[in-house]
PDB file of all heavy atoms in Angstrom:
ATOM      1  N   THR A   1      -2.905   6.331  19.038  1.00  0.00           N
ATOM      2  CA  THR A   1      -4.322   6.473  18.731  1.00  0.00           C
ATOM      3  C   THR A   1      -4.500   6.520  17.227  1.00  0.00           C
ATOM      4  O   THR A   1      -3.535   6.653  16.487  1.00  0.00           O
ATOM      5  CB  THR A   1      -4.902   7.766  19.342  1.00  0.00           C
ATOM      6  OG1 THR A   1      -4.222   8.884  18.776  1.00  0.00           O
ATOM      7  CG2 THR A   1      -4.759   7.778  20.851  1.00  0.00           C
ATOM      8  N   GLY A   2      -5.723   6.414  16.801  1.00  0.00           N
ATOM      9  CA  GLY A   2      -6.018   6.421  15.384  1.00  0.00           C
ATOM     10  C   GLY A   2      -6.528   5.059  14.954  1.00  0.00           C
ATOM     11  O   GLY A   2      -6.993   4.275  15.779  1.00  0.00           O
ATOM     12  N   SER A   3      -6.402   4.763  13.678  1.00  0.00           N
ATOM     13  CA  SER A   3      -6.898   3.469  13.194  1.00  0.00           C
ATOM     14  C   SER A   3      -6.089   2.308  13.761  1.00  0.00           C
ATOM     15  O   SER A   3      -6.588   1.204  13.886  1.00  0.00           O
ATOM     16  CB  SER A   3      -6.886   3.429  11.666  1.00  0.00           C
ATOM     17  OG  SER A   3      -5.577   3.661  11.188  1.00  0.00           O
ATOM     18  N   ALA A   4      -4.828   2.551  14.108  1.00  0.00           N
ATOM     19  CA  ALA A   4      -4.001   1.550  14.802  1.00  0.00           C
ATOM     20  C   ALA A   4      -3.777   2.037  16.223  1.00  0.00           C
ATOM     21  O   ALA A   4      -3.710   3.231  16.472  1.00  0.00           O
ATOM     22  CB  ALA A   4      -2.662   1.383  14.081  1.00  0.00           C
ATOM     23  N   ASN A   5      -3.666   1.102  17.170  1.00  0.00           N
ATOM     24  CA  ASN A   5      -3.422   1.525  18.549  1.00  0.00           C
ATOM     25  C   ASN A   5      -2.092   1.030  19.113  1.00  0.00           C
ATOM     26  O   ASN A   5      -1.794   1.243  20.276  1.00  0.00           O
ATOM     27  CB  ASN A   5      -4.587   1.166  19.471  1.00  0.00           C
ATOM     28  CG  ASN A   5      -5.077  -0.257  19.317  1.00  0.00           C
ATOM     29  OD1 ASN A   5      -4.437  -1.082  18.684  1.00  0.00           O
ATOM     30  ND2 ASN A   5      -6.224  -0.549  19.899  1.00  0.00           N
ATOM     31  N   LEU A   6      -1.270   0.406  18.288  1.00  0.00           N
ATOM     32  CA  LEU A   6       0.107   0.059  18.654  1.00  0.00           C
ATOM     33  C   LEU A   6       1.021   0.391  17.479  1.00  0.00           C
ATOM     34  O   LEU A   6       0.684   0.119  16.323  1.00  0.00           O
ATOM     35  CB  LEU A   6       0.257  -1.437  18.947  1.00  0.00           C
ATOM     36  CG  LEU A   6      -0.139  -1.961  20.312  1.00  0.00           C
ATOM     37  CD1 LEU A   6       0.012  -3.488  20.346  1.00  0.00           C
ATOM     38  CD2 LEU A   6       0.696  -1.341  21.403  1.00  0.00           C
ATOM     39  N   LEU A   7       2.163   0.955  17.781  1.00  0.00           N
ATOM     40  CA  LEU A   7       3.196   1.188  16.775  1.00  0.00           C
ATOM     41  C   LEU A   7       4.417   0.391  17.193  1.00  0.00           C
ATOM     42  O   LEU A   7       4.883   0.505  18.333  1.00  0.00           O
ATOM     43  CB  LEU A   7       3.543   2.677  16.683  1.00  0.00           C
ATOM     44  CG  LEU A   7       4.711   3.043  15.765  1.00  0.00           C
ATOM     45  CD1 LEU A   7       4.434   2.622  14.330  1.00  0.00           C
ATOM     46  CD2 LEU A   7       4.991   4.532  15.851  1.00  0.00           C
ATOM     47  N   VAL A   8       4.919  -0.440  16.293  1.00  0.00           N
ATOM     48  CA  VAL A   8       6.035  -1.330  16.590  1.00  0.00           C
ATOM     49  C   VAL A   8       7.112  -1.141  15.517  1.00  0.00           C
ATOM     50  O   VAL A   8       6.813  -1.253  14.326  1.00  0.00           O
ATOM     51  CB  VAL A   8       5.582  -2.809  16.617  1.00  0.00           C
ATOM     52  CG1 VAL A   8       6.732  -3.734  16.951  1.00  0.00           C
ATOM     53  CG2 VAL A   8       4.426  -3.002  17.595  1.00  0.00           C
ATOM     54  N   ALA A   9       8.336  -0.832  15.929  1.00  0.00           N
ATOM     55  CA  ALA A   9       9.466  -0.728  15.002  1.00  0.00           C
ATOM     56  C   ALA A   9      10.213  -2.051  15.021  1.00  0.00           C
ATOM     57  O   ALA A   9      10.572  -2.562  16.088  1.00  0.00           O
ATOM     58  CB  ALA A   9      10.387   0.418  15.400  1.00  0.00           C
ATOM     59  N   VAL A  10      10.454  -2.603  13.830  1.00  0.00           N
ATOM     60  CA  VAL A  10      11.054  -3.929  13.693  1.00  0.00           C
ATOM     61  C   VAL A  10      12.318  -3.840  12.838  1.00  0.00           C
ATOM     62  O   VAL A  10      12.346  -3.119  11.843  1.00  0.00           O
ATOM     63  CB  VAL A  10      10.051  -4.900  13.026  1.00  0.00           C
ATOM     64  CG1 VAL A  10      10.666  -6.262  12.822  1.00  0.00           C
ATOM     65  CG2 VAL A  10       8.786  -5.011  13.848  1.00  0.00           C
ATOM     66  N   ALA A  11      13.342  -4.581  13.226  1.00  0.00           N
ATOM     67  CA  ALA A  11      14.576  -4.706  12.448  1.00  0.00           C
ATOM     68  C   ALA A  11      14.808  -6.187  12.191  1.00  0.00           C
ATOM     69  O   ALA A  11      14.693  -7.005  13.102  1.00  0.00           O
ATOM     70  CB  ALA A  11      15.754  -4.105  13.212  1.00  0.00           C
ATOM     71  N   ALA A  12      15.141  -6.520  10.941  1.00  0.00           N
ATOM     72  CA  ALA A  12      15.343  -7.925  10.583  1.00  0.00           C
ATOM     73  C   ALA A  12      16.552  -8.057   9.665  1.00  0.00           C
ATOM     74  O   ALA A  12      16.999  -7.086   9.058  1.00  0.00           O
ATOM     75  CB  ALA A  12      14.094  -8.474   9.885  1.00  0.00           C
ATOM     76  N   ALA A  13      17.054  -9.270   9.561  1.00  0.00           N
ATOM     77  CA  ALA A  13      18.246  -9.529   8.747  1.00  0.00           C
ATOM     78  C   ALA A  13      17.999  -9.235   7.273  1.00  0.00           C
ATOM     79  O   ALA A  13      18.923  -8.871   6.555  1.00  0.00           O
ATOM     80  CB  ALA A  13      18.698 -10.974   8.922  1.00  0.00           C
ATOM     81  N   GLY A  14      16.776  -9.369   6.817  1.00  0.00           N
ATOM     82  CA  GLY A  14      16.443  -9.116   5.420  1.00  0.00           C
ATOM     83  C   GLY A  14      14.945  -9.215   5.231  1.00  0.00           C
ATOM     84  O   GLY A  14      14.202  -9.440   6.194  1.00  0.00           O
ATOM     85  N   LEU A  15      14.501  -9.060   4.001  1.00  0.00           N
ATOM     86  CA  LEU A  15      13.062  -9.105   3.737  1.00  0.00           C
ATOM     87  C   LEU A  15      12.456 -10.474   4.050  1.00  0.00           C
ATOM     88  O   LEU A  15      11.329 -10.554   4.533  1.00  0.00           O
ATOM     89  CB  LEU A  15      12.786  -8.711   2.288  1.00  0.00           C
ATOM     90  CG  LEU A  15      13.047  -7.242   1.956  1.00  0.00           C
ATOM     91  CD1 LEU A  15      12.812  -6.990   0.470  1.00  0.00           C
ATOM     92  CD2 LEU A  15      12.190  -6.324   2.806  1.00  0.00           C
ATOM     93  N   ASP A  16      13.198 -11.547   3.789  1.00  0.00           N
ATOM     94  CA  ASP A  16      12.683 -12.882   4.136  1.00  0.00           C
ATOM     95  C   ASP A  16      12.488 -13.015   5.642  1.00  0.00           C
ATOM     96  O   ASP A  16      11.477 -13.557   6.098  1.00  0.00           O
ATOM     97  CB  ASP A  16      13.625 -13.974   3.635  1.00  0.00           C
ATOM     98  CG  ASP A  16      13.588 -14.132   2.128  1.00  0.00           C
ATOM     99  OD1 ASP A  16      12.631 -13.660   1.486  1.00  0.00           O
ATOM    100  OD2 ASP A  16      14.537 -14.732   1.584  1.00  0.00           O
ATOM    101  N   ALA A  17      13.442 -12.536   6.412  1.00  0.00           N
ATOM    102  CA  ALA A  17      13.333 -12.600   7.868  1.00  0.00           C
ATOM    103  C   ALA A  17      12.189 -11.721   8.367  1.00  0.00           C
ATOM    104  O   ALA A  17      11.469 -12.082   9.306  1.00  0.00           O
ATOM    105  CB  ALA A  17      14.644 -12.184   8.520  1.00  0.00           C
ATOM    106  N   LEU A  18      12.005 -10.564   7.748  1.00  0.00           N
ATOM    107  CA  LEU A  18      10.891  -9.697   8.115  1.00  0.00           C
ATOM    108  C   LEU A  18       9.567 -10.380   7.807  1.00  0.00           C
ATOM    109  O   LEU A  18       8.646 -10.372   8.630  1.00  0.00           O
ATOM    110  CB  LEU A  18      10.996  -8.357   7.369  1.00  0.00           C
ATOM    111  CG  LEU A  18       9.868  -7.364   7.604  1.00  0.00           C
ATOM    112  CD1 LEU A  18       9.772  -6.984   9.076  1.00  0.00           C
ATOM    113  CD2 LEU A  18      10.078  -6.125   6.740  1.00  0.00           C
ATOM    114  N   HIS A  19       9.483 -11.013   6.648  1.00  0.00           N
ATOM    115  CA  HIS A  19       8.265 -11.742   6.286  1.00  0.00           C
ATOM    116  C   HIS A  19       7.972 -12.859   7.281  1.00  0.00           C
ATOM    117  O   HIS A  19       6.837 -13.034   7.719  1.00  0.00           O
ATOM    118  CB  HIS A  19       8.392 -12.313   4.871  1.00  0.00           C
ATOM    119  CG  HIS A  19       7.168 -13.042   4.438  1.00  0.00           C
ATOM    120  ND1 HIS A  19       7.048 -14.409   4.510  1.00  0.00           N
ATOM    121  CD2 HIS A  19       5.992 -12.584   3.950  1.00  0.00           C
ATOM    122  CE1 HIS A  19       5.869 -14.770   4.085  1.00  0.00           C
ATOM    123  NE2 HIS A  19       5.205 -13.690   3.734  1.00  0.00           N
ATOM    124  N   ARG A  20       8.988 -13.623   7.658  1.00  0.00           N
ATOM    125  CA  ARG A  20       8.804 -14.699   8.648  1.00  0.00           C
ATOM    126  C   ARG A  20       8.349 -14.134   9.984  1.00  0.00           C
ATOM    127  O   ARG A  20       7.480 -14.708  10.651  1.00  0.00           O
ATOM    128  CB  ARG A  20      10.089 -15.503   8.815  1.00  0.00           C
ATOM    129  CG  ARG A  20      10.312 -16.534   7.733  1.00  0.00           C
ATOM    130  CD  ARG A  20      11.439 -17.514   8.065  1.00  0.00           C
ATOM    131  NE  ARG A  20      12.683 -16.850   8.424  1.00  0.00           N
ATOM    132  CZ  ARG A  20      13.571 -16.372   7.553  1.00  0.00           C
ATOM    133  NH1 ARG A  20      13.343 -16.472   6.264  1.00  0.00           N
ATOM    134  NH2 ARG A  20      14.680 -15.794   7.981  1.00  0.00           N
ATOM    135  N   PHE A  21       8.932 -12.999  10.410  1.00  0.00           N
ATOM    136  CA  PHE A  21       8.531 -12.374  11.667  1.00  0.00           C
ATOM    137  C   PHE A  21       7.053 -11.975  11.611  1.00  0.00           C
ATOM    138  O   PHE A  21       6.297 -12.244  12.545  1.00  0.00           O
ATOM    139  CB  PHE A  21       9.402 -11.150  11.968  1.00  0.00           C
ATOM    140  CG  PHE A  21       8.985 -10.426  13.212  1.00  0.00           C
ATOM    141  CD1 PHE A  21       9.337 -10.909  14.460  1.00  0.00           C
ATOM    142  CD2 PHE A  21       8.242  -9.261  13.141  1.00  0.00           C
ATOM    143  CE1 PHE A  21       8.943 -10.252  15.620  1.00  0.00           C
ATOM    144  CE2 PHE A  21       7.842  -8.593  14.284  1.00  0.00           C
ATOM    145  CZ  PHE A  21       8.199  -9.092  15.526  1.00  0.00           C
ATOM    146  N   LEU A  22       6.640 -11.372  10.504  1.00  0.00           N
ATOM    147  CA  LEU A  22       5.236 -10.963  10.372  1.00  0.00           C
ATOM    148  C   LEU A  22       4.313 -12.174  10.343  1.00  0.00           C
ATOM    149  O   LEU A  22       3.279 -12.189  11.014  1.00  0.00           O
ATOM    150  CB  LEU A  22       5.048 -10.125   9.103  1.00  0.00           C
ATOM    151  CG  LEU A  22       5.727  -8.763   9.092  1.00  0.00           C
ATOM    152  CD1 LEU A  22       5.596  -8.119   7.722  1.00  0.00           C
ATOM    153  CD2 LEU A  22       5.175  -7.858  10.175  1.00  0.00           C
ATOM    154  N   SER A  23       4.677 -13.180   9.575  1.00  0.00           N
ATOM    155  CA  SER A  23       3.817 -14.358   9.430  1.00  0.00           C
ATOM    156  C   SER A  23       3.790 -15.220  10.680  1.00  0.00           C
ATOM    157  O   SER A  23       2.716 -15.559  11.184  1.00  0.00           O
ATOM    158  CB  SER A  23       4.295 -15.216   8.260  1.00  0.00           C
ATOM    159  OG  SER A  23       4.213 -14.498   7.075  1.00  0.00           O
ATOM    160  N   ASP A  24       4.964 -15.578  11.175  1.00  0.00           N
ATOM    161  CA  ASP A  24       5.052 -16.545  12.273  1.00  0.00           C
ATOM    162  C   ASP A  24       4.864 -15.914  13.651  1.00  0.00           C
ATOM    163  O   ASP A  24       4.116 -16.425  14.474  1.00  0.00           O
ATOM    164  CB  ASP A  24       6.393 -17.275  12.231  1.00  0.00           C
ATOM    165  CG  ASP A  24       6.612 -18.027  10.928  1.00  0.00           C
ATOM    166  OD1 ASP A  24       5.630 -18.264  10.197  1.00  0.00           O
ATOM    167  OD2 ASP A  24       7.772 -18.368  10.638  1.00  0.00           O
ATOM    168  N   THR A  25       5.544 -14.815  13.900  1.00  0.00           N
ATOM    169  CA  THR A  25       5.515 -14.205  15.238  1.00  0.00           C
ATOM    170  C   THR A  25       4.281 -13.340  15.418  1.00  0.00           C
ATOM    171  O   THR A  25       3.470 -13.577  16.317  1.00  0.00           O
ATOM    172  CB  THR A  25       6.793 -13.379  15.479  1.00  0.00           C
ATOM    173  OG1 THR A  25       7.924 -14.248  15.327  1.00  0.00           O
ATOM    174  CG2 THR A  25       6.809 -12.778  16.860  1.00  0.00           C
ATOM    175  N   VAL A  26       4.132 -12.341  14.579  1.00  0.00           N
ATOM    176  CA  VAL A  26       2.996 -11.427  14.725  1.00  0.00           C
ATOM    177  C   VAL A  26       1.694 -12.163  14.417  1.00  0.00           C
ATOM    178  O   VAL A  26       0.691 -11.971  15.098  1.00  0.00           O
ATOM    179  CB  VAL A  26       3.163 -10.184  13.826  1.00  0.00           C
ATOM    180  CG1 VAL A  26       1.952  -9.275  13.922  1.00  0.00           C
ATOM    181  CG2 VAL A  26       4.426  -9.420  14.205  1.00  0.00           C
ATOM    182  N   GLY A  27       1.731 -13.030  13.417  1.00  0.00           N
ATOM    183  CA  GLY A  27       0.530 -13.774  13.055  1.00  0.00           C
ATOM    184  C   GLY A  27      -0.003 -14.669  14.150  1.00  0.00           C
ATOM    185  O   GLY A  27      -1.194 -14.991  14.172  1.00  0.00           O
ATOM    186  N   ALA A  28       0.846 -15.066  15.089  1.00  0.00           N
ATOM    187  CA  ALA A  28       0.427 -15.949  16.178  1.00  0.00           C
ATOM    188  C   ALA A  28      -0.083 -15.202  17.405  1.00  0.00           C
ATOM    189  O   ALA A  28      -0.551 -15.819  18.359  1.00  0.00           O
ATOM    190  CB  ALA A  28       1.605 -16.836  16.588  1.00  0.00           C
ATOM    191  N   VAL A  29      -0.014 -13.877  17.394  1.00  0.00           N
ATOM    192  CA  VAL A  29      -0.420 -13.082  18.559  1.00  0.00           C
ATOM    193  C   VAL A  29      -1.937 -12.909  18.560  1.00  0.00           C
ATOM    194  O   VAL A  29      -2.526 -12.474  17.561  1.00  0.00           O
ATOM    195  CB  VAL A  29       0.281 -11.704  18.557  1.00  0.00           C
ATOM    196  CG1 VAL A  29      -0.219 -10.834  19.697  1.00  0.00           C
ATOM    197  CG2 VAL A  29       1.789 -11.888  18.644  1.00  0.00           C
ATOM    198  N   ASP A  30      -2.560 -13.252  19.685  1.00  0.00           N
ATOM    199  CA  ASP A  30      -4.003 -13.071  19.840  1.00  0.00           C
ATOM    200  C   ASP A  30      -4.345 -11.580  19.881  1.00  0.00           C
ATOM    201  O   ASP A  30      -3.487 -10.750  20.194  1.00  0.00           O
ATOM    202  CB  ASP A  30      -4.486 -13.721  21.142  1.00  0.00           C
ATOM    203  CG  ASP A  30      -4.376 -15.239  21.102  1.00  0.00           C
ATOM    204  OD1 ASP A  30      -4.432 -15.804  19.996  1.00  0.00           O
ATOM    205  OD2 ASP A  30      -4.214 -15.835  22.179  1.00  0.00           O
ATOM    206  N   HIS A  31      -5.569 -11.251  19.614  1.00  0.00           N
ATOM    207  CA  HIS A  31      -6.142  -9.902  19.742  1.00  0.00           C
ATOM    208  C   HIS A  31      -5.790  -8.956  18.605  1.00  0.00           C
ATOM    209  O   HIS A  31      -6.295  -7.844  18.567  1.00  0.00           O
ATOM    210  CB  HIS A  31      -5.777  -9.244  21.077  1.00  0.00           C
ATOM    211  CG  HIS A  31      -6.051 -10.072  22.270  1.00  0.00           C
ATOM    212  ND1 HIS A  31      -7.333 -10.448  22.636  1.00  0.00           N
ATOM    213  CD2 HIS A  31      -5.230 -10.619  23.187  1.00  0.00           C
ATOM    214  CE1 HIS A  31      -7.278 -11.186  23.736  1.00  0.00           C
ATOM    215  NE2 HIS A  31      -6.022 -11.312  24.089  1.00  0.00           N
ATOM    216  N   ILE A  32      -4.901  -9.335  17.689  1.00  0.00           N
ATOM    217  CA  ILE A  32      -4.593  -8.449  16.566  1.00  0.00           C
ATOM    218  C   ILE A  32      -5.707  -8.584  15.530  1.00  0.00           C
ATOM    219  O   ILE A  32      -5.993  -9.674  15.057  1.00  0.00           O
ATOM    220  CB  ILE A  32      -3.227  -8.774  15.934  1.00  0.00           C
ATOM    221  CG1 ILE A  32      -2.099  -8.452  16.927  1.00  0.00           C
ATOM    222  CG2 ILE A  32      -3.024  -7.995  14.634  1.00  0.00           C
ATOM    223  CD1 ILE A  32      -0.704  -8.760  16.431  1.00  0.00           C
ATOM    224  N   THR A  33      -6.324  -7.449  15.187  1.00  0.00           N
ATOM    225  CA  THR A  33      -7.407  -7.465  14.216  1.00  0.00           C
ATOM    226  C   THR A  33      -6.988  -6.883  12.868  1.00  0.00           C
ATOM    227  O   THR A  33      -7.621  -7.148  11.859  1.00  0.00           O
ATOM    228  CB  THR A  33      -8.629  -6.688  14.744  1.00  0.00           C
ATOM    229  OG1 THR A  33      -8.243  -5.342  15.025  1.00  0.00           O
ATOM    230  CG2 THR A  33      -9.168  -7.340  16.016  1.00  0.00           C
ATOM    231  N   ALA A  34      -5.917  -6.078  12.862  1.00  0.00           N
ATOM    232  CA  ALA A  34      -5.423  -5.509  11.598  1.00  0.00           C
ATOM    233  C   ALA A  34      -3.957  -5.141  11.762  1.00  0.00           C
ATOM    234  O   ALA A  34      -3.494  -4.854  12.875  1.00  0.00           O
ATOM    235  CB  ALA A  34      -6.228  -4.278  11.197  1.00  0.00           C
ATOM    236  N   LEU A  35      -3.237  -5.165  10.639  1.00  0.00           N
ATOM    237  CA  LEU A  35      -1.810  -4.844  10.653  1.00  0.00           C
ATOM    238  C   LEU A  35      -1.446  -4.181   9.335  1.00  0.00           C
ATOM    239  O   LEU A  35      -1.825  -4.660   8.268  1.00  0.00           O
ATOM    240  CB  LEU A  35      -0.980  -6.126  10.817  1.00  0.00           C
ATOM    241  CG  LEU A  35       0.529  -5.995  10.597  1.00  0.00           C
ATOM    242  CD1 LEU A  35       1.174  -5.281  11.769  1.00  0.00           C
ATOM    243  CD2 LEU A  35       1.156  -7.349  10.391  1.00  0.00           C
ATOM    244  N   GLU A  36      -0.726  -3.070   9.434  1.00  0.00           N
ATOM    245  CA  GLU A  36      -0.157  -2.434   8.255  1.00  0.00           C
ATOM    246  C   GLU A  36       1.339  -2.327   8.483  1.00  0.00           C
ATOM    247  O   GLU A  36       1.777  -1.781   9.500  1.00  0.00           O
ATOM    248  CB  GLU A  36      -0.754  -1.046   8.030  1.00  0.00           C
ATOM    249  CG  GLU A  36      -0.211  -0.377   6.788  1.00  0.00           C
ATOM    250  CD  GLU A  36      -0.850   0.971   6.520  1.00  0.00           C
ATOM    251  OE1 GLU A  36      -1.939   1.242   7.037  1.00  0.00           O
ATOM    252  OE2 GLU A  36      -0.229   1.753   5.774  1.00  0.00           O
ATOM    253  N   ALA A  37       2.125  -2.866   7.572  1.00  0.00           N
ATOM    254  CA  ALA A  37       3.583  -2.813   7.679  1.00  0.00           C
ATOM    255  C   ALA A  37       4.104  -1.762   6.706  1.00  0.00           C
ATOM    256  O   ALA A  37       3.794  -1.819   5.517  1.00  0.00           O
ATOM    257  CB  ALA A  37       4.188  -4.172   7.374  1.00  0.00           C
ATOM    258  N   THR A  38       4.878  -0.821   7.235  1.00  0.00           N
ATOM    259  CA  THR A  38       5.467   0.233   6.421  1.00  0.00           C
ATOM    260  C   THR A  38       6.972   0.024   6.393  1.00  0.00           C
ATOM    261  O   THR A  38       7.650   0.268   7.398  1.00  0.00           O
ATOM    262  CB  THR A  38       5.148   1.624   7.015  1.00  0.00           C
ATOM    263  OG1 THR A  38       3.742   1.745   7.180  1.00  0.00           O
ATOM    264  CG2 THR A  38       5.672   2.724   6.116  1.00  0.00           C
ATOM    265  N   PRO A  39       7.535  -0.438   5.283  1.00  0.00           N
ATOM    266  CA  PRO A  39       8.993  -0.626   5.213  1.00  0.00           C
ATOM    267  C   PRO A  39       9.711   0.722   5.291  1.00  0.00           C
ATOM    268  O   PRO A  39       9.238   1.724   4.763  1.00  0.00           O
ATOM    269  CB  PRO A  39       9.215  -1.266   3.845  1.00  0.00           C
ATOM    270  CG  PRO A  39       7.879  -1.684   3.361  1.00  0.00           C
ATOM    271  CD  PRO A  39       6.873  -0.846   4.053  1.00  0.00           C
ATOM    272  N   ILE A  40      10.847   0.740   5.954  1.00  0.00           N
ATOM    273  CA  ILE A  40      11.693   1.926   6.005  1.00  0.00           C
ATOM    274  C   ILE A  40      12.716   1.773   4.887  1.00  0.00           C
ATOM    275  O   ILE A  40      13.528   0.856   4.907  1.00  0.00           O
ATOM    276  CB  ILE A  40      12.369   2.065   7.381  1.00  0.00           C
ATOM    277  CG1 ILE A  40      11.297   2.259   8.450  1.00  0.00           C
ATOM    278  CG2 ILE A  40      13.363   3.226   7.374  1.00  0.00           C
ATOM    279  CD1 ILE A  40      11.829   2.247   9.873  1.00  0.00           C
ATOM    280  N   LEU A  41      12.659   2.655   3.915  1.00  0.00           N
ATOM    281  CA  LEU A  41      13.527   2.543   2.747  1.00  0.00           C
ATOM    282  C   LEU A  41      14.918   3.102   3.000  1.00  0.00           C
ATOM    283  O   LEU A  41      15.916   2.518   2.595  1.00  0.00           O
ATOM    284  CB  LEU A  41      12.886   3.250   1.551  1.00  0.00           C
ATOM    285  CG  LEU A  41      11.509   2.722   1.153  1.00  0.00           C
ATOM    286  CD1 LEU A  41      10.957   3.532  -0.010  1.00  0.00           C
ATOM    287  CD2 LEU A  41      11.576   1.244   0.819  1.00  0.00           C
ATOM    288  N   THR A  42      15.005   4.256   3.659  1.00  0.00           N
ATOM    289  CA  THR A  42      16.289   4.852   3.997  1.00  0.00           C
ATOM    290  C   THR A  42      16.081   5.799   5.165  1.00  0.00           C
ATOM    291  O   THR A  42      14.991   6.328   5.351  1.00  0.00           O
ATOM    292  CB  THR A  42      16.923   5.589   2.797  1.00  0.00           C
ATOM    293  OG1 THR A  42      18.239   6.004   3.147  1.00  0.00           O
ATOM    294  CG2 THR A  42      16.119   6.792   2.379  1.00  0.00           C
ATOM    295  N   GLY A  43      17.114   5.977   5.960  1.00  0.00           N
ATOM    296  CA  GLY A  43      17.017   6.869   7.106  1.00  0.00           C
ATOM    297  C   GLY A  43      17.878   8.102   6.928  1.00  0.00           C
ATOM    298  O   GLY A  43      18.978   8.025   6.387  1.00  0.00           O
ATOM    299  N   VAL A  44      17.371   9.241   7.347  1.00  0.00           N
ATOM    300  CA  VAL A  44      18.111  10.489   7.270  1.00  0.00           C
ATOM    301  C   VAL A  44      18.577  10.916   8.651  1.00  0.00           C
ATOM    302  O   VAL A  44      19.665  11.451   8.810  1.00  0.00           O
ATOM    303  CB  VAL A  44      17.239  11.597   6.638  1.00  0.00           C
ATOM    304  CG1 VAL A  44      17.963  12.925   6.620  1.00  0.00           C
ATOM    305  CG2 VAL A  44      16.827  11.196   5.233  1.00  0.00           C
ATOM    306  N   LYS A  45      17.760  10.644   9.682  1.00  0.00           N
ATOM    307  CA  LYS A  45      18.100  11.085  11.035  1.00  0.00           C
ATOM    308  C   LYS A  45      17.626  10.052  12.037  1.00  0.00           C
ATOM    309  O   LYS A  45      16.531   9.533  11.943  1.00  0.00           O
ATOM    310  CB  LYS A  45      17.423  12.434  11.317  1.00  0.00           C
ATOM    311  CG  LYS A  45      17.728  12.982  12.675  1.00  0.00           C
ATOM    312  CD  LYS A  45      17.096  14.339  12.869  1.00  0.00           C
ATOM    313  CE  LYS A  45      17.425  14.884  14.236  1.00  0.00           C
ATOM    314  NZ  LYS A  45      16.882  16.222  14.429  1.00  0.00           N
TER     315      LYS A  45
END
């Protein structure tokens, strides 16, 4: 809930692959009206 109604965790080979996934895959999905991508810089747990 909130301003976004789906949360999706994505893993990619690199930033170029992540960009292609966002542009080509997510960009082609109907019904998406907004998207905010939050990169994960490092994981602790």
